[in-house]
Amino acid sequence: MKKIYYLKTCDTCKRIMRSLSLDGFTIREIKTKPITVSELEEMFQLSGSYESLFSRRAKKYAAMGLKDQKLEEVDYKQLILSDYTFLKRPVIISDTTIFIGSDKKNMQLLKEYFKTN
């Protein structure tokens, strides 16, 4: 299974996707077709937590006062399912390996992975 979950209006997602060879990947835009419970659970199985999939950069995070709350895994799951902006992106799944977000460390691991696979 090879999948990419991204937002088409996100320049960072587009830049990352242009830099990779995406042959054989299913590319999924999350605003027009929101992720399902089973897709999120698949990401959870690979990542180990919903929190790792959650974006604190989402504008709604501050607007909803979430930064002042203690969130649990079930809260992260519900928030991600309730609004596409709460999913850290892009999420790239290649077989049993998952890459979440665009931070520098993750991008380095992603580039190394694509060089060897």
N, C-alpha and C. Protein backbone atom coordinates (compact mmCIF):
# COMPACT_ATOMS: atom_id res chain seq x y z
N MET A 1 0.84 -1.17 0.00
CA MET A 1 0.00 0.00 0.00
C MET A 1 0.89 1.24 0.00
N LYS A 2 0.60 2.12 -0.93
CA LYS A 2 1.35 3.37 -1.04
C LYS A 2 0.34 4.49 -1.21
N LYS A 3 0.32 5.38 -0.21
CA LYS A 3 -0.68 6.46 -0.21
C LYS A 3 -0.06 7.77 0.24
N ILE A 4 -0.63 8.83 -0.28
CA ILE A 4 -0.25 10.17 0.16
C ILE A 4 -1.53 10.95 0.45
N TYR A 5 -1.59 11.50 1.65
CA TYR A 5 -2.70 12.37 2.04
C TYR A 5 -2.15 13.78 2.10
N TYR A 6 -2.76 14.69 1.35
CA TYR A 6 -2.23 16.05 1.26
C TYR A 6 -3.36 17.05 1.08
N LEU A 7 -3.00 18.31 1.11
CA LEU A 7 -3.94 19.40 0.88
C LEU A 7 -3.47 20.15 -0.37
N LYS A 8 -4.34 20.26 -1.37
CA LYS A 8 -3.92 20.84 -2.65
C LYS A 8 -3.59 22.33 -2.56
N THR A 9 -4.06 23.01 -1.54
CA THR A 9 -3.75 24.43 -1.39
C THR A 9 -2.48 24.66 -0.57
N CYS A 10 -1.85 23.59 -0.13
CA CYS A 10 -0.65 23.70 0.70
C CYS A 10 0.59 23.67 -0.18
N ASP A 11 1.30 24.78 -0.24
CA ASP A 11 2.51 24.85 -1.07
C ASP A 11 3.58 23.88 -0.59
N THR A 12 3.67 23.67 0.71
CA THR A 12 4.67 22.74 1.24
C THR A 12 4.38 21.32 0.77
N CYS A 13 3.13 20.91 0.81
CA CYS A 13 2.75 19.58 0.33
C CYS A 13 3.12 19.44 -1.15
N LYS A 14 2.77 20.44 -1.94
CA LYS A 14 3.06 20.38 -3.37
C LYS A 14 4.56 20.31 -3.63
N ARG A 15 5.35 21.09 -2.89
CA ARG A 15 6.80 21.08 -3.06
C ARG A 15 7.37 19.70 -2.73
N ILE A 16 6.93 19.12 -1.64
CA ILE A 16 7.41 17.80 -1.23
C ILE A 16 7.04 16.76 -2.27
N MET A 17 5.82 16.79 -2.74
CA MET A 17 5.37 15.81 -3.72
C MET A 17 6.13 15.93 -5.04
N ARG A 18 6.46 17.14 -5.44
CA ARG A 18 7.24 17.33 -6.68
C ARG A 18 8.65 16.75 -6.55
N SER A 19 9.16 16.71 -5.33
CA SER A 19 10.53 16.24 -5.12
C SER A 19 10.65 14.71 -5.05
N LEU A 20 9.52 14.01 -5.07
CA LEU A 20 9.53 12.56 -4.92
C LEU A 20 9.04 11.86 -6.17
N SER A 21 9.46 10.63 -6.35
CA SER A 21 8.94 9.79 -7.42
C SER A 21 7.71 9.07 -6.86
N LEU A 22 6.55 9.45 -7.36
CA LEU A 22 5.30 8.96 -6.77
C LEU A 22 4.62 7.87 -7.59
N ASP A 23 5.39 7.18 -8.40
CA ASP A 23 4.83 6.08 -9.18
C ASP A 23 4.27 5.02 -8.24
N GLY A 24 3.04 4.60 -8.50
CA GLY A 24 2.41 3.57 -7.70
C GLY A 24 1.72 4.07 -6.44
N PHE A 25 1.76 5.37 -6.18
CA PHE A 25 1.11 5.93 -4.99
C PHE A 25 -0.32 6.36 -5.31
N THR A 26 -1.21 6.12 -4.38
CA THR A 26 -2.56 6.67 -4.43
C THR A 26 -2.49 8.03 -3.76
N ILE A 27 -2.88 9.06 -4.49
CA ILE A 27 -2.77 10.43 -3.97
C ILE A 27 -4.16 10.91 -3.59
N ARG A 28 -4.29 11.35 -2.37
CA ARG A 28 -5.59 11.70 -1.81
C ARG A 28 -5.61 13.11 -1.25
N GLU A 29 -6.48 13.95 -1.80
CA GLU A 29 -6.64 15.32 -1.34
C GLU A 29 -7.68 15.30 -0.22
N ILE A 30 -7.31 15.77 0.97
CA ILE A 30 -8.13 15.56 2.16
C ILE A 30 -9.24 16.60 2.37
N LYS A 31 -9.20 17.70 1.65
CA LYS A 31 -10.26 18.68 1.81
C LYS A 31 -11.50 18.26 1.04
N THR A 32 -11.32 17.83 -0.19
CA THR A 32 -12.45 17.45 -1.03
C THR A 32 -12.97 16.06 -0.70
N LYS A 33 -12.11 15.21 -0.18
CA LYS A 33 -12.52 13.86 0.22
C LYS A 33 -11.89 13.56 1.58
N PRO A 34 -12.59 13.92 2.64
CA PRO A 34 -12.04 13.76 4.00
C PRO A 34 -11.64 12.32 4.30
N ILE A 35 -10.68 12.18 5.19
CA ILE A 35 -10.23 10.85 5.57
C ILE A 35 -11.33 10.14 6.35
N THR A 36 -11.34 8.83 6.24
CA THR A 36 -12.34 8.02 6.92
C THR A 36 -11.77 7.51 8.25
N VAL A 37 -12.64 6.96 9.05
CA VAL A 37 -12.23 6.38 10.33
C VAL A 37 -11.21 5.27 10.08
N SER A 38 -11.48 4.40 9.10
CA SER A 38 -10.56 3.28 8.84
C SER A 38 -9.21 3.77 8.33
N GLU A 39 -9.18 4.84 7.53
CA GLU A 39 -7.90 5.39 7.07
C GLU A 39 -7.12 5.98 8.24
N LEU A 40 -7.81 6.69 9.11
CA LEU A 40 -7.14 7.26 10.27
C LEU A 40 -6.62 6.17 11.20
N GLU A 41 -7.38 5.11 11.37
CA GLU A 41 -6.94 3.99 12.20
C GLU A 41 -5.73 3.29 11.59
N GLU A 42 -5.68 3.22 10.26
CA GLU A 42 -4.52 2.65 9.57
C GLU A 42 -3.28 3.51 9.86
N MET A 43 -3.44 4.84 9.79
CA MET A 43 -2.33 5.76 10.10
C MET A 43 -1.91 5.58 11.56
N PHE A 44 -2.88 5.42 12.44
CA PHE A 44 -2.59 5.22 13.87
C PHE A 44 -1.78 3.95 14.09
N GLN A 45 -2.14 2.87 13.42
CA GLN A 45 -1.41 1.61 13.57
C GLN A 45 0.06 1.77 13.17
N LEU A 46 0.32 2.57 12.16
CA LEU A 46 1.69 2.76 11.70
C LEU A 46 2.46 3.79 12.54
N SER A 47 1.76 4.80 13.04
CA SER A 47 2.43 5.88 13.77
C SER A 47 2.50 5.63 15.27
N GLY A 48 1.53 4.90 15.80
CA GLY A 48 1.51 4.62 17.23
C GLY A 48 0.72 5.60 18.07
N SER A 49 0.30 6.73 17.48
CA SER A 49 -0.52 7.67 18.24
C SER A 49 -1.27 8.62 17.32
N TYR A 50 -2.41 9.07 17.81
CA TYR A 50 -3.16 10.09 17.07
C TYR A 50 -2.50 11.45 17.25
N GLU A 51 -1.86 11.64 18.38
CA GLU A 51 -1.20 12.91 18.64
C GLU A 51 -0.12 13.20 17.60
N SER A 52 0.60 12.16 17.17
CA SER A 52 1.65 12.36 16.16
C SER A 52 1.06 12.76 14.81
N LEU A 53 -0.21 12.49 14.59
CA LEU A 53 -0.90 12.84 13.34
C LEU A 53 -1.59 14.20 13.43
N PHE A 54 -1.60 14.78 14.61
CA PHE A 54 -2.35 16.01 14.88
C PHE A 54 -1.49 17.25 14.63
N SER A 55 -2.07 18.22 13.94
CA SER A 55 -1.37 19.46 13.64
C SER A 55 -1.77 20.56 14.62
N ARG A 56 -0.80 21.02 15.37
CA ARG A 56 -1.04 22.14 16.26
C ARG A 56 -0.92 23.48 15.53
N ARG A 57 -0.57 23.42 14.26
CA ARG A 57 -0.47 24.64 13.45
C ARG A 57 -1.82 25.06 12.88
N ALA A 58 -2.80 24.19 12.96
CA ALA A 58 -4.13 24.50 12.43
C ALA A 58 -4.67 25.76 13.13
N LYS A 59 -5.24 26.65 12.36
CA LYS A 59 -5.78 27.90 12.91
C LYS A 59 -6.85 27.62 13.96
N LYS A 60 -7.60 26.57 13.76
CA LYS A 60 -8.68 26.23 14.70
C LYS A 60 -8.13 25.77 16.05
N TYR A 61 -6.90 25.32 16.08
CA TYR A 61 -6.30 24.86 17.34
C TYR A 61 -6.29 25.99 18.37
N ALA A 62 -5.85 27.15 17.96
CA ALA A 62 -5.84 28.30 18.87
C ALA A 62 -7.24 28.89 19.01
N ALA A 63 -7.97 28.95 17.89
CA ALA A 63 -9.30 29.55 17.91
C ALA A 63 -10.25 28.81 18.84
N MET A 64 -10.11 27.51 18.93
CA MET A 64 -10.98 26.70 19.78
C MET A 64 -10.45 26.60 21.22
N GLY A 65 -9.31 27.23 21.47
CA GLY A 65 -8.74 27.20 22.81
C GLY A 65 -8.15 25.85 23.19
N LEU A 66 -7.79 25.06 22.20
CA LEU A 66 -7.28 23.71 22.45
C LEU A 66 -5.90 23.73 23.09
N LYS A 67 -5.15 24.79 22.85
CA LYS A 67 -3.80 24.85 23.42
C LYS A 67 -3.83 24.95 24.94
N ASP A 68 -4.97 25.34 25.49
CA ASP A 68 -5.11 25.47 26.93
C ASP A 68 -5.76 24.24 27.57
N GLN A 69 -6.03 23.22 26.75
CA GLN A 69 -6.68 22.01 27.25
C GLN A 69 -5.71 20.83 27.23
N LYS A 70 -5.97 19.88 28.11
CA LYS A 70 -5.18 18.65 28.09
C LYS A 70 -5.94 17.65 27.23
N LEU A 71 -5.40 17.38 26.06
CA LEU A 71 -6.06 16.50 25.11
C LEU A 71 -5.56 15.06 25.27
N GLU A 72 -6.46 14.12 25.11
CA GLU A 72 -6.15 12.69 25.16
C GLU A 72 -6.17 12.15 23.74
N GLU A 73 -5.72 10.91 23.57
CA GLU A 73 -5.69 10.29 22.24
C GLU A 73 -7.07 10.32 21.57
N VAL A 74 -8.11 10.02 22.32
CA VAL A 74 -9.47 10.02 21.75
C VAL A 74 -9.85 11.42 21.26
N ASP A 75 -9.39 12.46 21.95
CA ASP A 75 -9.66 13.83 21.53
C ASP A 75 -8.97 14.14 20.20
N TYR A 76 -7.70 13.73 20.10
CA TYR A 76 -6.97 13.96 18.85
C TYR A 76 -7.67 13.27 17.68
N LYS A 77 -8.09 12.04 17.91
CA LYS A 77 -8.79 11.27 16.86
C LYS A 77 -10.04 12.00 16.41
N GLN A 78 -10.88 12.42 17.36
CA GLN A 78 -12.13 13.10 17.04
C GLN A 78 -11.88 14.42 16.31
N LEU A 79 -10.89 15.16 16.75
CA LEU A 79 -10.59 16.44 16.11
C LEU A 79 -10.12 16.25 14.67
N ILE A 80 -9.25 15.27 14.45
CA ILE A 80 -8.77 15.00 13.09
C ILE A 80 -9.94 14.61 12.19
N LEU A 81 -10.84 13.78 12.69
CA LEU A 81 -11.99 13.36 11.89
C LEU A 81 -12.99 14.49 11.68
N SER A 82 -13.02 15.44 12.60
CA SER A 82 -14.00 16.53 12.49
C SER A 82 -13.59 17.61 11.50
N ASP A 83 -12.29 17.79 11.28
CA ASP A 83 -11.83 18.86 10.38
C ASP A 83 -10.48 18.49 9.77
N TYR A 84 -10.40 18.55 8.46
CA TYR A 84 -9.19 18.16 7.73
C TYR A 84 -7.96 18.95 8.15
N THR A 85 -8.14 20.17 8.64
CA THR A 85 -6.98 21.00 8.99
C THR A 85 -6.20 20.46 10.19
N PHE A 86 -6.82 19.56 10.96
CA PHE A 86 -6.13 19.01 12.12
C PHE A 86 -5.19 17.86 11.77
N LEU A 87 -5.22 17.38 10.54
CA LEU A 87 -4.27 16.32 10.15
C LEU A 87 -2.95 16.96 9.74
N LYS A 88 -1.89 16.55 10.39
CA LYS A 88 -0.55 17.03 10.02
C LYS A 88 -0.27 16.48 8.63
N ARG A 89 0.25 17.32 7.75
CA ARG A 89 0.42 16.87 6.37
C ARG A 89 1.73 17.35 5.77
N PRO A 90 2.13 16.64 4.74
CA PRO A 90 1.49 15.46 4.16
C PRO A 90 1.73 14.21 5.02
N VAL A 91 0.86 13.23 4.82
CA VAL A 91 1.07 11.91 5.40
C VAL A 91 1.39 11.00 4.22
N ILE A 92 2.56 10.38 4.28
CA ILE A 92 3.01 9.50 3.20
C ILE A 92 3.19 8.11 3.78
N ILE A 93 2.47 7.14 3.21
CA ILE A 93 2.55 5.75 3.65
C ILE A 93 3.12 4.93 2.51
N SER A 94 4.18 4.22 2.81
CA SER A 94 4.78 3.30 1.84
C SER A 94 4.95 1.96 2.54
N ASP A 95 4.07 1.04 2.19
CA ASP A 95 4.03 -0.28 2.82
C ASP A 95 3.82 -0.14 4.32
N THR A 96 4.82 -0.43 5.15
CA THR A 96 4.64 -0.34 6.60
C THR A 96 5.38 0.86 7.20
N THR A 97 5.77 1.80 6.36
CA THR A 97 6.49 2.99 6.81
C THR A 97 5.60 4.21 6.61
N ILE A 98 5.57 5.07 7.64
CA ILE A 98 4.76 6.28 7.56
C ILE A 98 5.63 7.51 7.83
N PHE A 99 5.39 8.55 7.05
CA PHE A 99 6.06 9.84 7.22
C PHE A 99 4.97 10.87 7.44
N ILE A 100 5.09 11.63 8.53
CA ILE A 100 4.04 12.56 8.91
C ILE A 100 4.60 13.98 9.00
N GLY A 101 4.02 14.89 8.23
CA GLY A 101 4.39 16.28 8.33
C GLY A 101 5.60 16.67 7.51
N SER A 102 6.00 17.92 7.70
CA SER A 102 7.06 18.48 6.86
C SER A 102 8.24 19.00 7.65
N ASP A 103 8.41 18.54 8.89
CA ASP A 103 9.56 19.03 9.65
C ASP A 103 10.86 18.51 9.05
N LYS A 104 11.93 19.18 9.36
CA LYS A 104 13.23 18.91 8.73
C LYS A 104 13.69 17.46 8.93
N LYS A 105 13.57 16.95 10.14
CA LYS A 105 13.99 15.58 10.43
C LYS A 105 13.18 14.57 9.60
N ASN A 106 11.88 14.77 9.53
CA ASN A 106 11.02 13.88 8.76
C ASN A 106 11.37 13.92 7.27
N MET A 107 11.65 15.11 6.76
CA MET A 107 11.98 15.25 5.34
C MET A 107 13.30 14.55 5.01
N GLN A 108 14.25 14.60 5.92
CA GLN A 108 15.52 13.90 5.71
C GLN A 108 15.28 12.39 5.66
N LEU A 109 14.49 11.87 6.58
CA LEU A 109 14.17 10.44 6.60
C LEU A 109 13.42 10.03 5.34
N LEU A 110 12.51 10.88 4.89
CA LEU A 110 11.74 10.60 3.69
C LEU A 110 12.64 10.54 2.46
N LYS A 111 13.56 11.48 2.31
CA LYS A 111 14.48 11.48 1.18
C LYS A 111 15.37 10.26 1.19
N GLU A 112 15.87 9.88 2.37
CA GLU A 112 16.70 8.68 2.47
C GLU A 112 15.90 7.43 2.11
N TYR A 113 14.67 7.37 2.54
CA TYR A 113 13.80 6.23 2.25
C TYR A 113 13.59 6.11 0.74
N PHE A 114 13.29 7.22 0.07
CA PHE A 114 13.01 7.18 -1.36
C PHE A 114 14.27 6.87 -2.17
N LYS A 115 15.45 7.19 -1.64
CA LYS A 115 16.69 6.84 -2.34
C LYS A 115 16.93 5.34 -2.35
N THR A 116 16.52 4.67 -1.28
CA THR A 116 16.80 3.23 -1.15
C THR A 116 15.65 2.34 -1.58
N ASN A 117 14.47 2.90 -1.80
CA ASN A 117 13.31 2.08 -2.18
C ASN A 117 12.77 2.45 -3.54
